[in-house]
């Protein structure tokens, strides 16, 4: 693959497709060009939908990609080399059109996004972001590839935000989470009344019993739960005691749990980075959890969604 000085790739693209379908004997998966977003996982064996249907009454997304920021920037902006740039919560990639890229694997679909004038005006870096979804039995492997196509260090966060539906008549109190660890977990909250920034100077304790905890109907009344220091990398969501879906994210330093009171889904979110700390006004390279990629280098990682 050749790359010219403007960072435009000559990789083999296929014609524009609003969505792509990935299917094996167990699962049917849909990926949308808009946001490169995983939009559907259908369990053929048990005849059930796995992802939230993006009903705007609750939340108008399924499983957006978070790039180049995870969470909110303090006061909606960040600083790079002394200049301020606006940045929306979770970055801009989730609201952009990706182009499909040809894959030799029939069980894999790929979408890609590269910088343009619109992105460069708020994020002064040349990059290419590629998202692939690959099926292996009842497991969906979500992979990210970030290329630094600039002559300076690329600074970024990246994260997943899949929302798993509860099912008809299921309440939060019917749901339990298995963290596959012992003892307790430390977590952080977001500032109220909703700046989206992290209260980083005050931690909270989540007590587990045999590595598990039961949700309550008001569990998300205070918003998201943020776990740091790679303390959460493997979570199984159970409904009425029966395993439903498992998110496995080895090597991820951050993990989020989120929903809204009364909403019919729970988000299990593997992150590389998190929201700014409340009051943070430092340079981007000083941001908690920022990823740094040297010129010409490539970063690749993946996480798995196992349908139980």
C-alpha atoms as a PDB file:
ATOM      1  CA  UNK A   1       0.000   0.000   0.000  1.00  0.00           C
ATOM      2  CA  UNK A   2       1.416   3.387  -0.974  1.00  0.00           C
ATOM      3  CA  UNK A   3       0.831   6.542   1.005  1.00  0.00           C
ATOM      4  CA  UNK A   4       1.280   9.980  -0.478  1.00  0.00           C
ATOM      5  CA  UNK A   5       2.293  13.092   1.457  1.00  0.00           C
ATOM      6  CA  UNK A   6      -1.312  14.094   2.104  1.00  0.00           C
ATOM      7  CA  UNK A   7      -1.923  10.836   3.936  1.00  0.00           C
ATOM      8  CA  UNK A   8      -4.323   9.415   1.340  1.00  0.00           C
ATOM      9  CA  UNK A   9      -4.091   5.670   0.910  1.00  0.00           C
ATOM     10  CA  UNK A  10      -4.156   3.715  -2.320  1.00  0.00           C
ATOM     11  CA  UNK A  11      -5.678   0.647  -0.668  1.00  0.00           C
ATOM     12  CA  UNK A  12      -8.394  -1.214  -2.499  1.00  0.00           C
ATOM     13  CA  UNK A  13     -11.782   0.284  -1.744  1.00  0.00           C
ATOM     14  CA  UNK A  14     -15.089  -1.231  -2.713  1.00  0.00           C
ATOM     15  CA  UNK A  15     -18.073   0.798  -3.872  1.00  0.00           C
ATOM     16  CA  UNK A  16     -19.833   2.825  -1.223  1.00  0.00           C
ATOM     17  CA  UNK A  17     -22.165   0.706   0.881  1.00  0.00           C
ATOM     18  CA  UNK A  18     -24.458   2.177   3.505  1.00  0.00           C
ATOM     19  CA  UNK A  19     -24.175  -1.046   5.474  1.00  0.00           C
ATOM     20  CA  UNK A  20     -22.449  -4.405   5.321  1.00  0.00           C
ATOM     21  CA  UNK A  21     -23.730  -7.768   6.553  1.00  0.00           C
ATOM     22  CA  UNK A  22     -21.534 -10.393   8.155  1.00  0.00           C
ATOM     23  CA  UNK A  23     -22.989 -13.829   8.773  1.00  0.00           C
ATOM     24  CA  UNK A  24     -22.155 -17.378   9.826  1.00  0.00           C
ATOM     25  CA  UNK A  25     -24.269 -20.250  11.100  1.00  0.00           C
ATOM     26  CA  UNK A  26     -24.512 -18.666  14.562  1.00  0.00           C
ATOM     27  CA  UNK A  27     -24.738 -14.906  14.198  1.00  0.00           C
ATOM     28  CA  UNK A  28     -25.808 -12.177  11.782  1.00  0.00           C
ATOM     29  CA  UNK A  29     -24.006  -8.852  12.160  1.00  0.00           C
ATOM     30  CA  UNK A  30     -24.622  -5.458  10.535  1.00  0.00           C
ATOM     31  CA  UNK A  31     -22.036  -2.675  10.297  1.00  0.00           C
ATOM     32  CA  UNK A  32     -22.999   0.800   9.115  1.00  0.00           C
ATOM     33  CA  UNK A  33     -20.856   3.127   7.020  1.00  0.00           C
ATOM     34  CA  UNK A  34     -22.053   6.010   9.198  1.00  0.00           C
ATOM     35  CA  UNK A  35     -19.592   5.993  12.060  1.00  0.00           C
ATOM     36  CA  UNK A  36     -18.273   2.576  11.025  1.00  0.00           C
ATOM     37  CA  UNK A  37     -20.741   1.508  13.697  1.00  0.00           C
ATOM     38  CA  UNK A  38     -21.654  -2.004  14.699  1.00  0.00           C
ATOM     39  CA  UNK A  39     -25.439  -1.787  14.390  1.00  0.00           C
ATOM     40  CA  UNK A  40     -26.807  -5.283  14.887  1.00  0.00           C
ATOM     41  CA  UNK A  41     -25.926  -8.676  16.333  1.00  0.00           C
ATOM     42  CA  UNK A  42     -28.639 -11.279  15.827  1.00  0.00           C
ATOM     43  CA  UNK A  43     -28.337 -14.627  17.558  1.00  0.00           C
ATOM     44  CA  UNK A  44     -29.674 -17.188  15.077  1.00  0.00           C
ATOM     45  CA  UNK A  45     -29.514 -20.084  17.515  1.00  0.00           C
ATOM     46  CA  UNK A  46     -31.668 -18.412  20.162  1.00  0.00           C
ATOM     47  CA  UNK A  47     -33.566 -16.077  17.811  1.00  0.00           C
ATOM     48  CA  UNK A  48     -32.846 -12.878  19.713  1.00  0.00           C
ATOM     49  CA  UNK A  49     -31.340  -9.451  19.178  1.00  0.00           C
ATOM     50  CA  UNK A  50     -28.225  -8.635  21.194  1.00  0.00           C
ATOM     51  CA  UNK A  51     -27.643  -4.902  20.612  1.00  0.00           C
ATOM     52  CA  UNK A  52     -29.773  -1.897  21.511  1.00  0.00           C
ATOM     53  CA  UNK A  53     -31.948  -0.833  18.568  1.00  0.00           C
ATOM     54  CA  UNK A  54     -30.927   2.863  18.790  1.00  0.00           C
ATOM     55  CA  UNK A  55     -34.426   3.916  19.820  1.00  0.00           C
ATOM     56  CA  UNK A  56     -33.994   7.705  20.268  1.00  0.00           C
ATOM     57  CA  UNK A  57     -36.394   7.651  23.205  1.00  0.00           C
ATOM     58  CA  UNK A  58     -33.463   6.242  25.168  1.00  0.00           C
ATOM     59  CA  UNK A  59     -30.274   6.606  23.053  1.00  0.00           C
ATOM     60  CA  UNK A  60     -29.923   6.910  19.302  1.00  0.00           C
ATOM     61  CA  UNK A  61     -26.829   4.726  18.912  1.00  0.00           C
ATOM     62  CA  UNK A  62     -25.923   1.031  18.927  1.00  0.00           C
ATOM     63  CA  UNK A  63     -22.159   0.698  19.500  1.00  0.00           C
ATOM     64  CA  UNK A  64     -20.286   3.820  18.351  1.00  0.00           C
ATOM     65  CA  UNK A  65     -16.523   4.085  17.944  1.00  0.00           C
ATOM     66  CA  UNK A  66     -14.974   6.707  20.234  1.00  0.00           C
ATOM     67  CA  UNK A  67     -12.141   8.544  18.447  1.00  0.00           C
ATOM     68  CA  UNK A  68      -9.996  10.604  18.737  1.00  0.00           C
ATOM     69  CA  UNK A  69     -11.241  11.234  22.290  1.00  0.00           C
ATOM     70  CA  UNK A  70     -12.975   9.072  24.843  1.00  0.00           C
ATOM     71  CA  UNK A  71     -15.416  11.008  26.991  1.00  0.00           C
ATOM     72  CA  UNK A  72     -15.607  14.768  27.269  1.00  0.00           C
ATOM     73  CA  UNK A  73     -12.914  17.408  27.025  1.00  0.00           C
ATOM     74  CA  UNK A  74     -13.120  19.956  29.839  1.00  0.00           C
ATOM     75  CA  UNK A  75     -15.343  22.861  28.725  1.00  0.00           C
ATOM     76  CA  UNK A  76     -15.659  21.178  25.319  1.00  0.00           C
ATOM     77  CA  UNK A  77     -12.133  21.973  24.158  1.00  0.00           C
ATOM     78  CA  UNK A  78      -8.542  20.827  24.409  1.00  0.00           C
ATOM     79  CA  UNK A  79      -5.155  22.479  23.999  1.00  0.00           C
ATOM     80  CA  UNK A  80      -2.405  21.444  21.597  1.00  0.00           C
ATOM     81  CA  UNK A  81       0.828  23.424  21.279  1.00  0.00           C
ATOM     82  CA  UNK A  82      -0.780  26.433  22.929  1.00  0.00           C
ATOM     83  CA  UNK A  83      -3.852  26.543  20.692  1.00  0.00           C
ATOM     84  CA  UNK A  84      -7.406  25.619  21.726  1.00  0.00           C
ATOM     85  CA  UNK A  85      -9.562  23.301  19.619  1.00  0.00           C
ATOM     86  CA  UNK A  86     -13.235  22.381  20.096  1.00  0.00           C
ATOM     87  CA  UNK A  87     -13.982  18.705  20.626  1.00  0.00           C
ATOM     88  CA  UNK A  88     -17.356  17.060  21.122  1.00  0.00           C
ATOM     89  CA  UNK A  89     -17.847  14.272  23.621  1.00  0.00           C
ATOM     90  CA  UNK A  90     -16.326  10.992  22.394  1.00  0.00           C
ATOM     91  CA  UNK A  91     -14.819  12.685  19.341  1.00  0.00           C
ATOM     92  CA  UNK A  92     -16.030  13.014  15.767  1.00  0.00           C
ATOM     93  CA  UNK A  93     -15.534   9.571  14.187  1.00  0.00           C
ATOM     94  CA  UNK A  94     -18.906   8.251  15.332  1.00  0.00           C
ATOM     95  CA  UNK A  95     -20.640  10.950  13.250  1.00  0.00           C
ATOM     96  CA  UNK A  96     -18.628  10.586  10.033  1.00  0.00           C
ATOM     97  CA  UNK A  97     -18.969   8.436   6.933  1.00  0.00           C
ATOM     98  CA  UNK A  98     -16.477   5.590   6.654  1.00  0.00           C
ATOM     99  CA  UNK A  99     -15.594   3.861   3.387  1.00  0.00           C
ATOM    100  CA  UNK A 100     -15.642   0.070   3.019  1.00  0.00           C
ATOM    101  CA  UNK A 101     -12.334  -1.687   2.375  1.00  0.00           C
ATOM    102  CA  UNK A 102     -12.021  -5.052   0.681  1.00  0.00           C
ATOM    103  CA  UNK A 103     -11.122  -8.039   2.843  1.00  0.00           C
ATOM    104  CA  UNK A 104      -9.955 -11.451   1.670  1.00  0.00           C
ATOM    105  CA  UNK A 105     -11.685 -13.052   4.657  1.00  0.00           C
ATOM    106  CA  UNK A 106     -15.390 -13.736   3.940  1.00  0.00           C
ATOM    107  CA  UNK A 107     -16.085 -13.572   7.687  1.00  0.00           C
ATOM    108  CA  UNK A 108     -14.644 -10.069   8.041  1.00  0.00           C
ATOM    109  CA  UNK A 109     -15.928  -6.614   7.098  1.00  0.00           C
ATOM    110  CA  UNK A 110     -13.750  -3.493   7.189  1.00  0.00           C
ATOM    111  CA  UNK A 111     -14.479   0.224   7.214  1.00  0.00           C
ATOM    112  CA  UNK A 112     -11.935   3.057   7.246  1.00  0.00           C
ATOM    113  CA  UNK A 113     -11.795   6.792   7.889  1.00  0.00           C
ATOM    114  CA  UNK A 114      -8.935   9.147   7.106  1.00  0.00           C
ATOM    115  CA  UNK A 115      -8.397  12.773   7.920  1.00  0.00           C
ATOM    116  CA  UNK A 116      -9.851  15.518   5.777  1.00  0.00           C
ATOM    117  CA  UNK A 117     -10.337  19.271   5.977  1.00  0.00           C
ATOM    118  CA  UNK A 118     -13.232  18.886   8.395  1.00  0.00           C
ATOM    119  CA  UNK A 119     -11.301  16.712  10.850  1.00  0.00           C
ATOM    120  CA  UNK A 120      -8.080  18.718  10.516  1.00  0.00           C
ATOM    121  CA  UNK A 121      -9.829  21.919  11.568  1.00  0.00           C
ATOM    122  CA  UNK A 122     -10.575  20.439  15.022  1.00  0.00           C
ATOM    123  CA  UNK A 123      -7.854  17.767  15.223  1.00  0.00           C
ATOM    124  CA  UNK A 124      -4.606  18.842  13.535  1.00  0.00           C
ATOM    125  CA  UNK A 125      -3.249  15.404  12.686  1.00  0.00           C
ATOM    126  CA  UNK A 126      -3.076  13.238   9.570  1.00  0.00           C
ATOM    127  CA  UNK A 127      -4.343   9.754  10.405  1.00  0.00           C
ATOM    128  CA  UNK A 128      -6.153   6.719   9.110  1.00  0.00           C
ATOM    129  CA  UNK A 129      -8.556   4.750  11.318  1.00  0.00           C
ATOM    130  CA  UNK A 130      -9.634   1.269  10.281  1.00  0.00           C
ATOM    131  CA  UNK A 131     -12.292  -0.815  12.009  1.00  0.00           C
ATOM    132  CA  UNK A 132     -12.775  -4.493  11.256  1.00  0.00           C
ATOM    133  CA  UNK A 133     -15.427  -6.903  12.508  1.00  0.00           C
ATOM    134  CA  UNK A 134     -14.712 -10.608  12.210  1.00  0.00           C
ATOM    135  CA  UNK A 135     -16.836 -13.606  13.175  1.00  0.00           C
ATOM    136  CA  UNK A 136     -15.471 -16.725  14.837  1.00  0.00           C
ATOM    137  CA  UNK A 137     -18.365 -18.959  15.850  1.00  0.00           C
ATOM    138  CA  UNK A 138     -20.364 -17.085  18.494  1.00  0.00           C
ATOM    139  CA  UNK A 139     -17.614 -14.492  18.997  1.00  0.00           C
ATOM    140  CA  UNK A 140     -17.354 -11.144  17.221  1.00  0.00           C
ATOM    141  CA  UNK A 141     -13.819  -9.746  17.164  1.00  0.00           C
ATOM    142  CA  UNK A 142     -13.685  -5.950  16.878  1.00  0.00           C
ATOM    143  CA  UNK A 143     -10.265  -4.675  15.744  1.00  0.00           C
ATOM    144  CA  UNK A 144      -8.928  -1.145  15.438  1.00  0.00           C
ATOM    145  CA  UNK A 145      -5.941   0.021  13.437  1.00  0.00           C
ATOM    146  CA  UNK A 146      -4.698   3.592  13.841  1.00  0.00           C
ATOM    147  CA  UNK A 147      -2.016   4.854  11.446  1.00  0.00           C
ATOM    148  CA  UNK A 148      -0.003   8.000  12.066  1.00  0.00           C
ATOM    149  CA  UNK A 149       0.317   9.607   8.629  1.00  0.00           C
ATOM    150  CA  UNK A 150       1.839  12.776   9.959  1.00  0.00           C
ATOM    151  CA  UNK A 151       5.410  13.969  10.499  1.00  0.00           C
ATOM    152  CA  UNK A 152       4.682  14.578  14.189  1.00  0.00           C
ATOM    153  CA  UNK A 153       3.504  12.433  17.091  1.00  0.00           C
ATOM    154  CA  UNK A 154      -0.177  11.433  16.926  1.00  0.00           C
ATOM    155  CA  UNK A 155      -2.112  11.916  20.173  1.00  0.00           C
ATOM    156  CA  UNK A 156      -5.410  10.092  20.540  1.00  0.00           C
ATOM    157  CA  UNK A 157      -7.841   7.990  22.548  1.00  0.00           C
ATOM    158  CA  UNK A 158      -9.976   5.198  21.196  1.00  0.00           C
ATOM    159  CA  UNK A 159     -12.804   3.204  22.719  1.00  0.00           C
ATOM    160  CA  UNK A 160     -15.859   1.032  22.206  1.00  0.00           C
ATOM    161  CA  UNK A 161     -19.407   1.757  23.390  1.00  0.00           C
ATOM    162  CA  UNK A 162     -21.586  -1.327  22.678  1.00  0.00           C
ATOM    163  CA  UNK A 163     -25.060  -1.227  24.215  1.00  0.00           C
ATOM    164  CA  UNK A 164     -26.588  -4.619  24.995  1.00  0.00           C
ATOM    165  CA  UNK A 165     -30.356  -4.843  25.159  1.00  0.00           C
ATOM    166  CA  UNK A 166     -32.106  -6.205  28.209  1.00  0.00           C
ATOM    167  CA  UNK A 167     -34.928  -7.964  26.399  1.00  0.00           C
ATOM    168  CA  UNK A 168     -38.664  -7.721  26.767  1.00  0.00           C
ATOM    169  CA  UNK A 169     -39.754  -7.208  30.363  1.00  0.00           C
ATOM    170  CA  UNK A 170     -36.213  -7.309  31.769  1.00  0.00           C
ATOM    171  CA  UNK A 171     -35.254  -4.747  34.418  1.00  0.00           C
ATOM    172  CA  UNK A 172     -31.841  -3.706  35.708  1.00  0.00           C
ATOM    173  CA  UNK A 173     -32.560  -5.682  38.863  1.00  0.00           C
ATOM    174  CA  UNK A 174     -32.690  -8.809  36.678  1.00  0.00           C
ATOM    175  CA  UNK A 175     -29.118  -8.196  35.517  1.00  0.00           C
ATOM    176  CA  UNK A 176     -25.859  -9.220  37.172  1.00  0.00           C
ATOM    177  CA  UNK A 177     -22.289  -8.610  36.074  1.00  0.00           C
ATOM    178  CA  UNK A 178     -19.397 -11.024  36.515  1.00  0.00           C
ATOM    179  CA  UNK A 179     -16.046  -9.204  36.514  1.00  0.00           C
ATOM    180  CA  UNK A 180     -14.024 -12.425  36.746  1.00  0.00           C
ATOM    181  CA  UNK A 181     -12.023 -11.066  39.662  1.00  0.00           C
ATOM    182  CA  UNK A 182     -12.143 -11.132  43.439  1.00  0.00           C
ATOM    183  CA  UNK A 183     -12.542  -8.571  46.209  1.00  0.00           C
ATOM    184  CA  UNK A 184     -13.714  -5.104  45.235  1.00  0.00           C
ATOM    185  CA  UNK A 185     -13.247  -2.601  42.423  1.00  0.00           C
ATOM    186  CA  UNK A 186     -12.416   1.083  42.519  1.00  0.00           C
ATOM    187  CA  UNK A 187     -14.339   3.346  40.182  1.00  0.00           C
ATOM    188  CA  UNK A 188     -14.768   7.032  39.377  1.00  0.00           C
ATOM    189  CA  UNK A 189     -17.850   9.037  38.482  1.00  0.00           C
ATOM    190  CA  UNK A 190     -18.603  11.880  36.111  1.00  0.00           C
ATOM    191  CA  UNK A 191     -19.230  15.398  37.337  1.00  0.00           C
ATOM    192  CA  UNK A 192     -22.796  16.429  37.845  1.00  0.00           C
ATOM    193  CA  UNK A 193     -24.853  18.021  36.402  1.00  0.00           C
ATOM    194  CA  UNK A 194     -23.369  16.438  33.332  1.00  0.00           C
ATOM    195  CA  UNK A 195     -20.181  18.074  32.101  1.00  0.00           C
ATOM    196  CA  UNK A 196     -19.024  14.587  31.165  1.00  0.00           C
ATOM    197  CA  UNK A 197     -15.681  15.100  32.934  1.00  0.00           C
ATOM    198  CA  UNK A 198     -14.256  12.743  35.511  1.00  0.00           C
ATOM    199  CA  UNK A 199     -14.145  13.445  39.239  1.00  0.00           C
ATOM    200  CA  UNK A 200     -10.607  12.123  39.358  1.00  0.00           C
ATOM    201  CA  UNK A 201      -9.757  13.173  42.909  1.00  0.00           C
ATOM    202  CA  UNK A 202     -12.431  11.002  44.528  1.00  0.00           C
ATOM    203  CA  UNK A 203     -12.691   7.253  44.040  1.00  0.00           C
ATOM    204  CA  UNK A 204     -15.550   4.956  44.995  1.00  0.00           C
ATOM    205  CA  UNK A 205     -15.705   1.315  46.007  1.00  0.00           C
ATOM    206  CA  UNK A 206     -17.754  -1.374  44.289  1.00  0.00           C
ATOM    207  CA  UNK A 207     -18.071  -4.523  46.397  1.00  0.00           C
ATOM    208  CA  UNK A 208     -18.185  -7.879  44.623  1.00  0.00           C
ATOM    209  CA  UNK A 209     -19.344 -11.269  45.814  1.00  0.00           C
ATOM    210  CA  UNK A 210     -17.440 -14.095  44.117  1.00  0.00           C
ATOM    211  CA  UNK A 211     -16.481 -11.616  41.423  1.00  0.00           C
ATOM    212  CA  UNK A 212     -20.094 -10.629  40.754  1.00  0.00           C
ATOM    213  CA  UNK A 213     -22.546  -7.883  41.528  1.00  0.00           C
ATOM    214  CA  UNK A 214     -26.268  -7.438  40.978  1.00  0.00           C
ATOM    215  CA  UNK A 215     -27.577  -4.250  39.397  1.00  0.00           C
ATOM    216  CA  UNK A 216     -30.405  -2.313  40.966  1.00  0.00           C
ATOM    217  CA  UNK A 217     -33.109  -0.350  39.186  1.00  0.00           C
ATOM    218  CA  UNK A 218     -31.383   2.921  40.175  1.00  0.00           C
ATOM    219  CA  UNK A 219     -27.823   1.698  39.534  1.00  0.00           C
ATOM    220  CA  UNK A 220     -27.219   4.242  36.768  1.00  0.00           C
ATOM    221  CA  UNK A 221     -28.980   7.187  38.398  1.00  0.00           C
ATOM    222  CA  UNK A 222     -25.584   8.877  38.846  1.00  0.00           C
ATOM    223  CA  UNK A 223     -24.419   8.097  35.303  1.00  0.00           C
ATOM    224  CA  UNK A 224     -21.361   6.179  34.179  1.00  0.00           C
ATOM    225  CA  UNK A 225     -18.894   4.092  36.184  1.00  0.00           C
ATOM    226  CA  UNK A 226     -15.245   4.480  35.153  1.00  0.00           C
ATOM    227  CA  UNK A 227     -12.667   1.811  35.976  1.00  0.00           C
ATOM    228  CA  UNK A 228      -8.939   2.505  35.571  1.00  0.00           C
ATOM    229  CA  UNK A 229      -5.559   0.781  35.754  1.00  0.00           C
ATOM    230  CA  UNK A 230      -6.677  -2.286  33.785  1.00  0.00           C
ATOM    231  CA  UNK A 231      -8.754  -3.396  36.776  1.00  0.00           C
ATOM    232  CA  UNK A 232     -11.643  -4.432  34.472  1.00  0.00           C
ATOM    233  CA  UNK A 233     -10.911  -6.232  31.213  1.00  0.00           C
ATOM    234  CA  UNK A 234     -13.461  -9.041  31.170  1.00  0.00           C
ATOM    235  CA  UNK A 235     -17.177  -8.678  31.982  1.00  0.00           C
ATOM    236  CA  UNK A 236     -20.023 -11.143  31.544  1.00  0.00           C
ATOM    237  CA  UNK A 237     -23.549  -9.755  31.591  1.00  0.00           C
ATOM    238  CA  UNK A 238     -26.124 -12.212  32.955  1.00  0.00           C
ATOM    239  CA  UNK A 239     -29.895 -11.861  32.670  1.00  0.00           C
ATOM    240  CA  UNK A 240     -31.925 -13.607  35.336  1.00  0.00           C
ATOM    241  CA  UNK A 241     -28.845 -15.626  36.236  1.00  0.00           C
ATOM    242  CA  UNK A 242     -28.148 -16.810  32.682  1.00  0.00           C
ATOM    243  CA  UNK A 243     -25.014 -15.549  30.848  1.00  0.00           C
ATOM    244  CA  UNK A 244     -26.070 -13.317  27.943  1.00  0.00           C
ATOM    245  CA  UNK A 245     -22.980 -11.620  26.534  1.00  0.00           C
ATOM    246  CA  UNK A 246     -19.301 -11.310  27.462  1.00  0.00           C
ATOM    247  CA  UNK A 247     -16.926  -8.455  26.568  1.00  0.00           C
ATOM    248  CA  UNK A 248     -13.254  -9.403  26.739  1.00  0.00           C
ATOM    249  CA  UNK A 249     -10.705  -6.594  26.301  1.00  0.00           C
ATOM    250  CA  UNK A 250      -7.194  -7.717  27.257  1.00  0.00           C
ATOM    251  CA  UNK A 251      -4.695  -4.916  27.703  1.00  0.00           C
ATOM    252  CA  UNK A 252      -7.286  -2.144  27.943  1.00  0.00           C
ATOM    253  CA  UNK A 253      -6.482   0.295  30.734  1.00  0.00           C
ATOM    254  CA  UNK A 254     -10.015   1.683  31.147  1.00  0.00           C
ATOM    255  CA  UNK A 255     -13.546   0.310  31.136  1.00  0.00           C
ATOM    256  CA  UNK A 256     -16.904   2.047  31.412  1.00  0.00           C
ATOM    257  CA  UNK A 257     -20.404   0.978  32.467  1.00  0.00           C
ATOM    258  CA  UNK A 258     -23.294   3.178  31.446  1.00  0.00           C
ATOM    259  CA  UNK A 259     -27.011   3.361  30.869  1.00  0.00           C
ATOM    260  CA  UNK A 260     -29.936   5.572  31.801  1.00  0.00           C
ATOM    261  CA  UNK A 261     -32.522   4.867  34.465  1.00  0.00           C
ATOM    262  CA  UNK A 262     -35.347   2.961  32.784  1.00  0.00           C
ATOM    263  CA  UNK A 263     -33.452   2.399  29.522  1.00  0.00           C
ATOM    264  CA  UNK A 264     -33.558  -1.123  28.015  1.00  0.00           C
ATOM    265  CA  UNK A 265     -29.795  -1.627  27.651  1.00  0.00           C
ATOM    266  CA  UNK A 266     -26.465  -1.769  29.467  1.00  0.00           C
ATOM    267  CA  UNK A 267     -23.242  -0.482  27.890  1.00  0.00           C
ATOM    268  CA  UNK A 268     -20.021  -2.427  28.493  1.00  0.00           C
ATOM    269  CA  UNK A 269     -17.286  -0.124  27.199  1.00  0.00           C
ATOM    270  CA  UNK A 270     -13.602  -1.026  26.678  1.00  0.00           C
ATOM    271  CA  UNK A 271     -11.519   2.144  26.442  1.00  0.00           C
ATOM    272  CA  UNK A 272      -7.980   3.293  25.812  1.00  0.00           C
ATOM    273  CA  UNK A 273      -8.309   6.652  27.547  1.00  0.00           C
ATOM    274  CA  UNK A 274     -11.064   8.422  29.453  1.00  0.00           C
ATOM    275  CA  UNK A 275     -12.758  11.796  29.918  1.00  0.00           C
ATOM    276  CA  UNK A 276     -10.752  14.776  31.129  1.00  0.00           C
ATOM    277  CA  UNK A 277     -10.510  15.325  34.840  1.00  0.00           C
ATOM    278  CA  UNK A 278     -12.737  18.160  36.020  1.00  0.00           C
ATOM    279  CA  UNK A 279     -10.835  21.411  35.625  1.00  0.00           C
ATOM    280  CA  UNK A 280      -8.069  19.980  33.410  1.00  0.00           C
ATOM    281  CA  UNK A 281      -6.505  22.716  31.265  1.00  0.00           C
ATOM    282  CA  UNK A 282      -3.190  21.135  30.405  1.00  0.00           C
ATOM    283  CA  UNK A 283      -1.844  20.279  26.962  1.00  0.00           C
ATOM    284  CA  UNK A 284      -3.256  17.290  25.086  1.00  0.00           C
ATOM    285  CA  UNK A 285      -0.100  15.270  25.637  1.00  0.00           C
ATOM    286  CA  UNK A 286      -0.680  15.636  29.398  1.00  0.00           C
ATOM    287  CA  UNK A 287      -4.237  14.279  29.276  1.00  0.00           C
ATOM    288  CA  UNK A 288      -4.909  11.207  31.429  1.00  0.00           C
ATOM    289  CA  UNK A 289      -4.681   8.064  29.298  1.00  0.00           C
ATOM    290  CA  UNK A 290      -3.608   9.776  26.061  1.00  0.00           C
ATOM    291  CA  UNK A 291      -2.111   7.424  23.459  1.00  0.00           C
ATOM    292  CA  UNK A 292       1.050   8.495  21.625  1.00  0.00           C
ATOM    293  CA  UNK A 293       2.057   7.195  18.208  1.00  0.00           C
ATOM    294  CA  UNK A 294       5.301   8.167  16.483  1.00  0.00           C
ATOM    295  CA  UNK A 295       5.312   9.361  12.842  1.00  0.00           C
ATOM    296  CA  UNK A 296       4.685   6.502  10.423  1.00  0.00           C
ATOM    297  CA  UNK A 297       3.814   4.034  13.179  1.00  0.00           C
ATOM    298  CA  UNK A 298       0.693   1.875  13.430  1.00  0.00           C
ATOM    299  CA  UNK A 299      -1.275   0.915  16.534  1.00  0.00           C
ATOM    300  CA  UNK A 300      -3.506  -2.157  16.494  1.00  0.00           C
ATOM    301  CA  UNK A 301      -5.697  -3.724  19.145  1.00  0.00           C
ATOM    302  CA  UNK A 302      -8.958  -5.645  19.470  1.00  0.00           C
ATOM    303  CA  UNK A 303     -11.651  -6.739  21.872  1.00  0.00           C
ATOM    304  CA  UNK A 304     -14.225  -9.540  21.700  1.00  0.00           C
ATOM    305  CA  UNK A 305     -17.971  -9.767  22.111  1.00  0.00           C
ATOM    306  CA  UNK A 306     -19.024 -13.328  22.891  1.00  0.00           C
ATOM    307  CA  UNK A 307     -22.722 -14.130  22.591  1.00  0.00           C
ATOM    308  CA  UNK A 308     -23.460 -16.683  25.300  1.00  0.00           C
END
